[in-house]
Amino acid sequence: MLLSALAALLQIPHEGADLNIEAACAIDATEKAPGENAYKIAPLFDYKWHRAASSSTAGAFLVTPRMRDLLPPQKPCLIATETQARNVWGSLLRALYPDPPLHRPQPQPQLAQIDATAELQENVVVGPFVYVGPQAQIGAQVTLHPGVYVGARAKIGARSVLFPGAVIWDDVQIGEDCQIGAHAVIGGPGFGLDAQGNIPHAGRVVIEDRVRIGACSCIDRATLGTTFIGRNAQIDNLVQVGHNVHLGAGSVVCGQAGIAGSAKIGEGVLLGGQSGVSNGVELEDGVKLAAQSCATRRLRQNGVYSGSPAEPHRARLRWIARLKKL
């Protein structure tokens, strides 16, 4: 795609020669052959990449006005503002790679175990060693990779993809266009205990449309009622979501975060890596919890919080600065 066409698509200006951009590459990408990166575009909108700019072999760059000065004036560039650059880069990648390769296993239903009462819609791809339990419902164009387990009465929405080893326990409901990562466990018993041991968990898990759940993440079924994951939520690898949690639409949970039972997470919330939300705590819409922070009480206003216990980020930085002066 010509650089000018990319600029028009992204609605940003461009400078330099109108290269035919074939792909993207990292700012510090090495070449296996001379000229290999001549028709590739690299990101240069974060200052931490500035040292790699002078030696980069990329043919063109996505830059901000401040970073533009690091390159020769004739170098082909797309120019985005500081605030829009990251989103523009995402849109650029979608334009260059409109259909990322996603391996679909060869259908081998003869090596799978599908209960006679299960219902599979048209064009379902069933890999080897898949199990589909009684009265399960699998929507159209669903892909079940090798080793997937789908329990009794579970429902999988159309076009969803379950990667190898994913486990969907009984009565779990998954919406359309979802991705469940390898070896994720959805609907396992929650970690509810009393003096006699484990408490029965008779609830279920409901996952709305267009949710992505990473590898080895676990979403526990409710004790009673529902553990709920809202539409467009993004859950990274190695995340624990406890029983009866409500995770709002469009929220993002980064790797190794943990959400304890009955927590209520609003819409558009961001939980940083290794962050935690204590049992029953509520986070309002738009809250951002920094990495390795823990919310131990209700966070009523949107904004950035950090520390353990979590508090408003800027206020915390100010008292830390004052403390260092004592």
Protein backbone atom coordinates (compact mmCIF):
# COMPACT_ATOMS: atom_id res chain seq x y z
CA MET A 1 0.00 0.00 0.00
CA LEU A 2 1.40 3.41 -0.97
CA LEU A 3 2.44 5.70 1.86
CA SER A 4 0.02 8.34 0.58
CA ALA A 5 -2.83 5.81 0.65
CA LEU A 6 -1.98 4.86 4.24
CA ALA A 7 -1.93 8.56 5.17
CA ALA A 8 -5.35 9.09 3.60
CA LEU A 9 -6.74 5.99 5.35
CA LEU A 10 -5.37 7.08 8.72
CA GLN A 11 -6.22 10.75 8.10
CA ILE A 12 -2.74 12.01 8.98
CA PRO A 13 -0.10 13.87 6.93
CA HIS A 14 2.92 12.28 5.30
CA GLU A 15 6.29 13.48 4.03
CA GLY A 16 8.96 12.15 1.68
CA ALA A 17 8.83 9.69 -1.18
CA ASP A 18 5.60 7.79 -1.78
CA LEU A 19 6.95 4.32 -0.98
CA ASN A 20 4.94 1.17 -1.50
CA ILE A 21 4.75 -0.12 2.08
CA GLU A 22 4.66 -3.91 2.12
CA ALA A 23 4.89 -4.63 5.85
CA ALA A 24 5.88 -3.27 9.25
CA CYS A 25 9.03 -3.90 11.26
CA ALA A 26 10.54 -2.99 14.61
CA ILE A 27 12.62 0.16 14.85
CA ASP A 28 15.73 -1.96 15.56
CA ALA A 29 14.95 -4.79 13.14
CA THR A 30 18.00 -6.41 11.59
CA GLU A 31 18.23 -7.40 7.94
CA LYS A 32 18.94 -10.97 6.87
CA ALA A 33 19.55 -9.64 3.38
CA PRO A 34 20.50 -6.13 2.19
CA GLY A 35 17.45 -3.96 1.54
CA GLU A 36 15.06 -6.39 3.23
CA ASN A 37 13.44 -3.57 5.25
CA ALA A 38 13.46 -0.94 2.51
CA TYR A 39 9.70 -1.14 1.99
CA LYS A 40 8.73 -1.61 5.62
CA ILE A 41 7.48 0.98 8.10
CA ALA A 42 8.62 1.18 11.72
CA PRO A 43 7.23 3.01 14.78
CA LEU A 44 9.16 6.01 16.08
CA PHE A 45 6.71 7.78 18.38
CA ASP A 46 8.14 6.78 21.77
CA TYR A 47 11.28 8.58 22.97
CA LYS A 48 12.77 5.33 24.32
CA TRP A 49 13.38 4.34 20.68
CA HIS A 50 15.35 7.46 19.80
CA ARG A 51 18.79 5.81 19.93
CA ALA A 52 17.75 3.22 17.35
CA ALA A 53 16.49 5.84 14.90
CA SER A 54 19.85 6.67 13.32
CA SER A 55 20.74 3.04 12.60
CA SER A 56 17.29 1.75 11.64
CA THR A 57 17.03 0.12 8.20
CA ALA A 58 13.28 0.72 7.88
CA GLY A 59 12.18 2.46 4.70
CA ALA A 60 9.58 4.67 6.41
CA PHE A 61 8.46 5.63 9.89
CA LEU A 62 5.39 6.61 11.87
CA VAL A 63 6.59 9.57 13.91
CA THR A 64 5.38 12.39 16.11
CA PRO A 65 6.47 15.97 15.34
CA ARG A 66 9.06 15.84 18.12
CA MET A 67 10.58 12.58 16.86
CA ARG A 68 10.55 13.74 13.22
CA ASP A 69 13.67 15.83 13.86
CA LEU A 70 15.68 12.68 14.59
CA LEU A 71 15.41 11.59 10.94
CA PRO A 72 16.82 13.07 7.73
CA PRO A 73 14.42 15.58 6.16
CA GLN A 74 13.93 13.41 3.07
CA LYS A 75 13.02 10.26 5.01
CA PRO A 76 9.45 9.04 4.21
CA CYS A 77 7.22 9.47 7.25
CA LEU A 78 3.67 9.38 8.50
CA ILE A 79 3.15 12.04 11.16
CA ALA A 80 0.74 11.61 14.07
CA THR A 81 0.22 13.70 17.18
CA GLU A 82 1.54 12.55 20.56
CA THR A 83 -1.94 11.62 21.77
CA GLN A 84 -3.02 9.69 18.68
CA ALA A 85 0.22 7.93 17.68
CA ARG A 86 -0.34 4.64 19.49
CA ASN A 87 -3.89 4.25 18.18
CA VAL A 88 -2.73 5.20 14.68
CA TRP A 89 -0.06 2.51 14.85
CA GLY A 90 -2.71 -0.07 15.72
CA SER A 91 -4.86 1.07 12.79
CA LEU A 92 -1.83 0.93 10.49
CA LEU A 93 -1.11 -2.66 11.49
CA ARG A 94 -4.73 -3.60 10.83
CA ALA A 95 -4.45 -2.05 7.38
CA LEU A 96 -1.24 -3.93 6.55
CA TYR A 97 -2.37 -7.21 8.11
CA PRO A 98 -6.16 -7.28 7.61
CA ASP A 99 -6.46 -10.99 8.31
CA PRO A 100 -3.70 -12.18 10.67
CA PRO A 101 -2.85 -15.83 10.14
CA LEU A 102 -4.79 -18.01 12.56
CA HIS A 103 -4.14 -21.69 12.20
CA ARG A 104 -7.30 -23.76 11.92
CA PRO A 105 -6.75 -27.44 12.72
CA GLN A 106 -7.66 -30.09 10.24
CA PRO A 107 -11.15 -31.34 11.14
CA GLN A 108 -10.79 -34.77 12.71
CA PRO A 109 -14.14 -35.56 14.33
CA GLN A 110 -13.32 -39.26 14.21
CA LEU A 111 -10.69 -38.61 16.92
CA ALA A 112 -13.05 -36.47 19.01
CA GLN A 113 -15.72 -37.52 21.50
CA ILE A 114 -18.97 -35.67 20.83
CA ASP A 115 -22.03 -36.59 22.83
CA ALA A 116 -25.05 -37.63 20.77
CA THR A 117 -27.17 -34.92 22.41
CA ALA A 118 -24.72 -32.10 21.67
CA GLU A 119 -25.74 -29.62 18.96
CA LEU A 120 -23.13 -28.40 16.46
CA GLN A 121 -24.09 -25.74 13.92
CA GLU A 122 -22.69 -25.54 10.38
CA ASN A 123 -18.97 -25.26 9.63
CA VAL A 124 -17.71 -26.09 13.10
CA VAL A 125 -14.06 -27.19 13.02
CA VAL A 126 -13.39 -30.00 15.51
CA GLY A 127 -9.73 -30.90 16.04
CA PRO A 128 -8.45 -34.23 17.37
CA PHE A 129 -9.12 -35.29 20.97
CA VAL A 130 -11.86 -32.72 21.54
CA TYR A 131 -14.62 -33.56 24.02
CA VAL A 132 -18.12 -32.04 23.73
CA GLY A 133 -20.49 -32.99 26.52
CA PRO A 134 -24.23 -33.71 26.71
CA GLN A 135 -26.58 -30.98 25.46
CA ALA A 136 -23.70 -28.61 24.67
CA GLN A 137 -24.43 -26.07 21.93
CA ILE A 138 -21.66 -25.06 19.53
CA GLY A 139 -22.41 -22.11 17.21
CA ALA A 140 -21.64 -21.77 13.52
CA GLN A 141 -18.01 -21.49 12.40
CA VAL A 142 -16.62 -22.18 15.86
CA THR A 143 -13.08 -23.61 15.95
CA LEU A 144 -12.24 -26.20 18.61
CA HIS A 145 -8.50 -26.82 18.61
CA PRO A 146 -7.01 -30.14 19.71
CA GLY A 147 -7.66 -31.16 23.28
CA VAL A 148 -10.51 -28.71 23.99
CA TYR A 149 -13.03 -29.80 26.62
CA VAL A 150 -16.61 -28.47 26.46
CA GLY A 151 -18.80 -29.56 29.35
CA ALA A 152 -22.45 -30.43 29.57
CA ARG A 153 -24.95 -27.73 28.57
CA ALA A 154 -22.18 -25.27 27.73
CA LYS A 155 -22.93 -22.76 24.95
CA ILE A 156 -20.28 -21.43 22.56
CA GLY A 157 -21.28 -18.51 20.32
CA ALA A 158 -20.69 -18.30 16.58
CA ARG A 159 -17.17 -17.74 15.22
CA SER A 160 -15.50 -18.18 18.59
CA VAL A 161 -12.11 -19.89 18.76
CA LEU A 162 -11.01 -22.17 21.58
CA PHE A 163 -7.28 -22.83 21.48
CA PRO A 164 -5.58 -26.12 22.43
CA GLY A 165 -6.37 -27.49 25.85
CA ALA A 166 -8.99 -24.90 26.79
CA VAL A 167 -11.49 -26.21 29.35
CA ILE A 168 -15.09 -24.98 29.36
CA TRP A 169 -16.93 -26.53 32.29
CA ASP A 170 -20.62 -27.34 32.54
CA ASP A 171 -23.25 -24.62 31.97
CA VAL A 172 -20.74 -21.96 30.88
CA GLN A 173 -22.06 -19.52 28.28
CA ILE A 174 -19.61 -17.88 25.84
CA GLY A 175 -20.74 -15.25 23.34
CA GLU A 176 -19.92 -14.73 19.69
CA ASP A 177 -16.47 -13.88 18.26
CA CYS A 178 -14.64 -14.77 21.47
CA GLN A 179 -11.13 -16.20 21.81
CA ILE A 180 -10.27 -18.54 24.68
CA GLY A 181 -6.52 -19.06 25.05
CA ALA A 182 -4.65 -22.31 25.34
CA HIS A 183 -5.24 -24.13 28.64
CA ALA A 184 -7.55 -21.45 30.00
CA VAL A 185 -10.14 -22.85 32.43
CA ILE A 186 -13.60 -21.29 32.36
CA GLY A 187 -16.16 -22.29 34.98
CA GLY A 188 -14.04 -24.31 37.38
CA PRO A 189 -15.05 -24.35 41.06
CA GLY A 190 -14.28 -21.15 42.95
CA PHE A 191 -11.95 -20.96 45.94
CA GLY A 192 -14.65 -20.72 48.59
CA LEU A 193 -13.83 -22.34 51.91
CA ASP A 194 -15.30 -22.86 55.35
CA ALA A 195 -14.22 -24.87 58.39
CA GLN A 196 -15.20 -28.10 56.65
CA GLY A 197 -13.33 -27.43 53.41
CA ASN A 198 -14.53 -26.43 49.95
CA ILE A 199 -17.96 -24.83 49.57
CA PRO A 200 -20.04 -26.14 46.62
CA HIS A 201 -20.16 -23.76 43.67
CA ALA A 202 -23.48 -24.22 41.89
CA GLY A 203 -23.45 -21.04 39.77
CA ARG A 204 -22.17 -20.45 36.27
CA VAL A 205 -19.99 -18.19 34.08
CA VAL A 206 -21.40 -15.90 31.39
CA ILE A 207 -19.03 -14.31 28.87
CA GLU A 208 -20.46 -11.79 26.42
CA ASP A 209 -19.45 -11.20 22.78
CA ARG A 210 -15.97 -10.31 21.51
CA VAL A 211 -14.11 -11.20 24.68
CA ARG A 212 -10.51 -12.37 24.53
CA ILE A 213 -9.09 -14.53 27.32
CA GLY A 214 -5.39 -15.35 27.35
CA ALA A 215 -3.56 -18.61 27.90
CA CYS A 216 -3.70 -20.28 31.31
CA SER A 217 -6.19 -17.78 32.73
CA CYS A 218 -8.92 -19.04 35.07
CA ILE A 219 -12.44 -17.69 35.52
CA ASP A 220 -14.23 -19.40 38.37
CA ARG A 221 -17.93 -20.24 38.41
CA ALA A 222 -20.15 -18.42 40.90
CA THR A 223 -21.04 -19.91 44.25
CA LEU A 224 -24.64 -19.05 43.37
CA GLY A 225 -25.66 -16.86 40.46
CA THR A 226 -23.20 -15.72 37.79
CA THR A 227 -19.58 -14.76 37.25
CA PHE A 228 -19.90 -12.20 34.46
CA ILE A 229 -17.44 -10.94 31.82
CA GLY A 230 -18.78 -8.03 29.73
CA ARG A 231 -18.49 -7.56 25.97
CA ASN A 232 -15.14 -6.52 24.47
CA ALA A 233 -13.24 -7.29 27.68
CA GLN A 234 -9.58 -8.22 27.19
CA ILE A 235 -7.99 -10.60 29.69
CA ASP A 236 -4.28 -11.33 29.40
CA ASN A 237 -2.43 -14.58 30.12
CA LEU A 238 -2.20 -15.97 33.67
CA VAL A 239 -5.10 -13.99 35.14
CA GLN A 240 -7.30 -15.22 38.00
CA VAL A 241 -10.95 -14.10 38.14
CA GLY A 242 -12.73 -15.32 41.26
CA HIS A 243 -16.28 -16.52 41.82
CA ASN A 244 -19.16 -14.05 41.39
CA VAL A 245 -16.93 -11.34 39.90
CA HIS A 246 -18.58 -8.81 37.57
CA LEU A 247 -16.13 -7.45 34.98
CA GLY A 248 -17.58 -4.59 32.95
CA ALA A 249 -17.59 -4.15 29.20
CA GLY A 250 -14.37 -3.01 27.54
CA SER A 251 -12.20 -3.60 30.60
CA VAL A 252 -8.58 -4.73 30.26
CA VAL A 253 -6.86 -7.04 32.74
CA CYS A 254 -3.09 -7.46 32.30
CA GLY A 255 -1.01 -10.54 33.03
CA GLN A 256 -0.83 -12.09 36.50
CA ALA A 257 -3.56 -9.83 37.88
CA GLY A 258 -5.99 -11.33 40.37
CA ILE A 259 -9.60 -10.39 41.08
CA ALA A 260 -10.99 -11.87 44.29
CA GLY A 261 -14.50 -13.20 44.64
CA SER A 262 -17.54 -10.92 44.36
CA ALA A 263 -15.53 -7.89 43.18
CA LYS A 264 -17.47 -5.51 40.94
CA ILE A 265 -15.38 -3.99 38.15
CA GLY A 266 -16.95 -1.20 36.09
CA GLU A 267 -16.73 -0.58 32.35
CA GLY A 268 -13.49 0.51 30.70
CA VAL A 269 -11.37 -0.35 33.75
CA LEU A 270 -7.64 -1.12 33.35
CA LEU A 271 -5.91 -3.45 35.79
CA GLY A 272 -2.12 -3.40 35.39
CA GLY A 273 0.13 -6.44 35.54
CA GLN A 274 0.25 -8.24 38.91
CA SER A 275 -2.39 -5.91 40.34
CA GLY A 276 -5.09 -7.17 42.68
CA VAL A 277 -8.66 -6.41 43.67
CA SER A 278 -9.75 -7.62 47.09
CA ASN A 279 -12.87 -9.60 47.90
CA GLY A 280 -16.07 -7.66 47.28
CA VAL A 281 -14.35 -4.40 46.30
CA GLU A 282 -16.02 -2.16 43.70
CA LEU A 283 -14.16 -0.16 41.03
CA GLU A 284 -16.12 2.53 39.20
CA ASP A 285 -16.08 2.94 35.40
CA GLY A 286 -12.77 4.14 33.97
CA VAL A 287 -10.55 3.32 36.97
CA LYS A 288 -6.92 2.54 36.11
CA LEU A 289 -5.01 0.47 38.65
CA ALA A 290 -1.23 0.54 38.22
CA ALA A 291 0.92 -2.57 38.05
CA GLN A 292 1.50 -4.38 41.38
CA SER A 293 -1.14 -2.25 43.11
CA CYS A 294 -4.00 -3.58 45.22
CA ALA A 295 -7.48 -2.13 45.57
CA THR A 296 -8.65 -2.94 49.11
CA ARG A 297 -11.60 -0.53 49.21
CA ARG A 298 -14.09 0.96 46.79
CA LEU A 299 -12.56 3.35 44.23
CA ARG A 300 -15.42 5.75 43.53
CA GLN A 301 -13.90 8.08 40.93
CA ASN A 302 -12.27 7.24 37.63
CA GLY A 303 -8.59 8.04 37.41
CA VAL A 304 -5.22 6.42 38.05
CA TYR A 305 -4.54 4.64 41.34
CA SER A 306 -1.35 3.00 42.57
CA GLY A 307 0.20 1.40 45.63
CA SER A 308 -1.04 -1.10 48.16
CA PRO A 309 -3.53 -0.14 49.39
CA ALA A 310 -4.30 1.76 46.19
CA GLU A 311 -4.76 5.52 46.36
CA PRO A 312 -4.79 8.35 43.79
CA HIS A 313 -1.50 8.10 41.92
CA ARG A 314 -0.43 11.76 41.92
CA ALA A 315 -1.27 12.24 45.60
CA ARG A 316 0.76 9.14 46.43
CA LEU A 317 3.76 10.43 44.49
CA ARG A 318 3.56 13.75 46.34
CA TRP A 319 3.63 12.20 49.80
CA ILE A 320 6.45 9.86 48.76
CA ALA A 321 8.45 12.90 47.64
CA ARG A 322 7.78 14.67 50.96
CA LEU A 323 8.72 11.53 52.89
CA LYS A 324 12.09 11.38 51.13
CA LYS A 325 12.86 14.91 52.31
CA LEU A 326 12.43 14.08 56.00
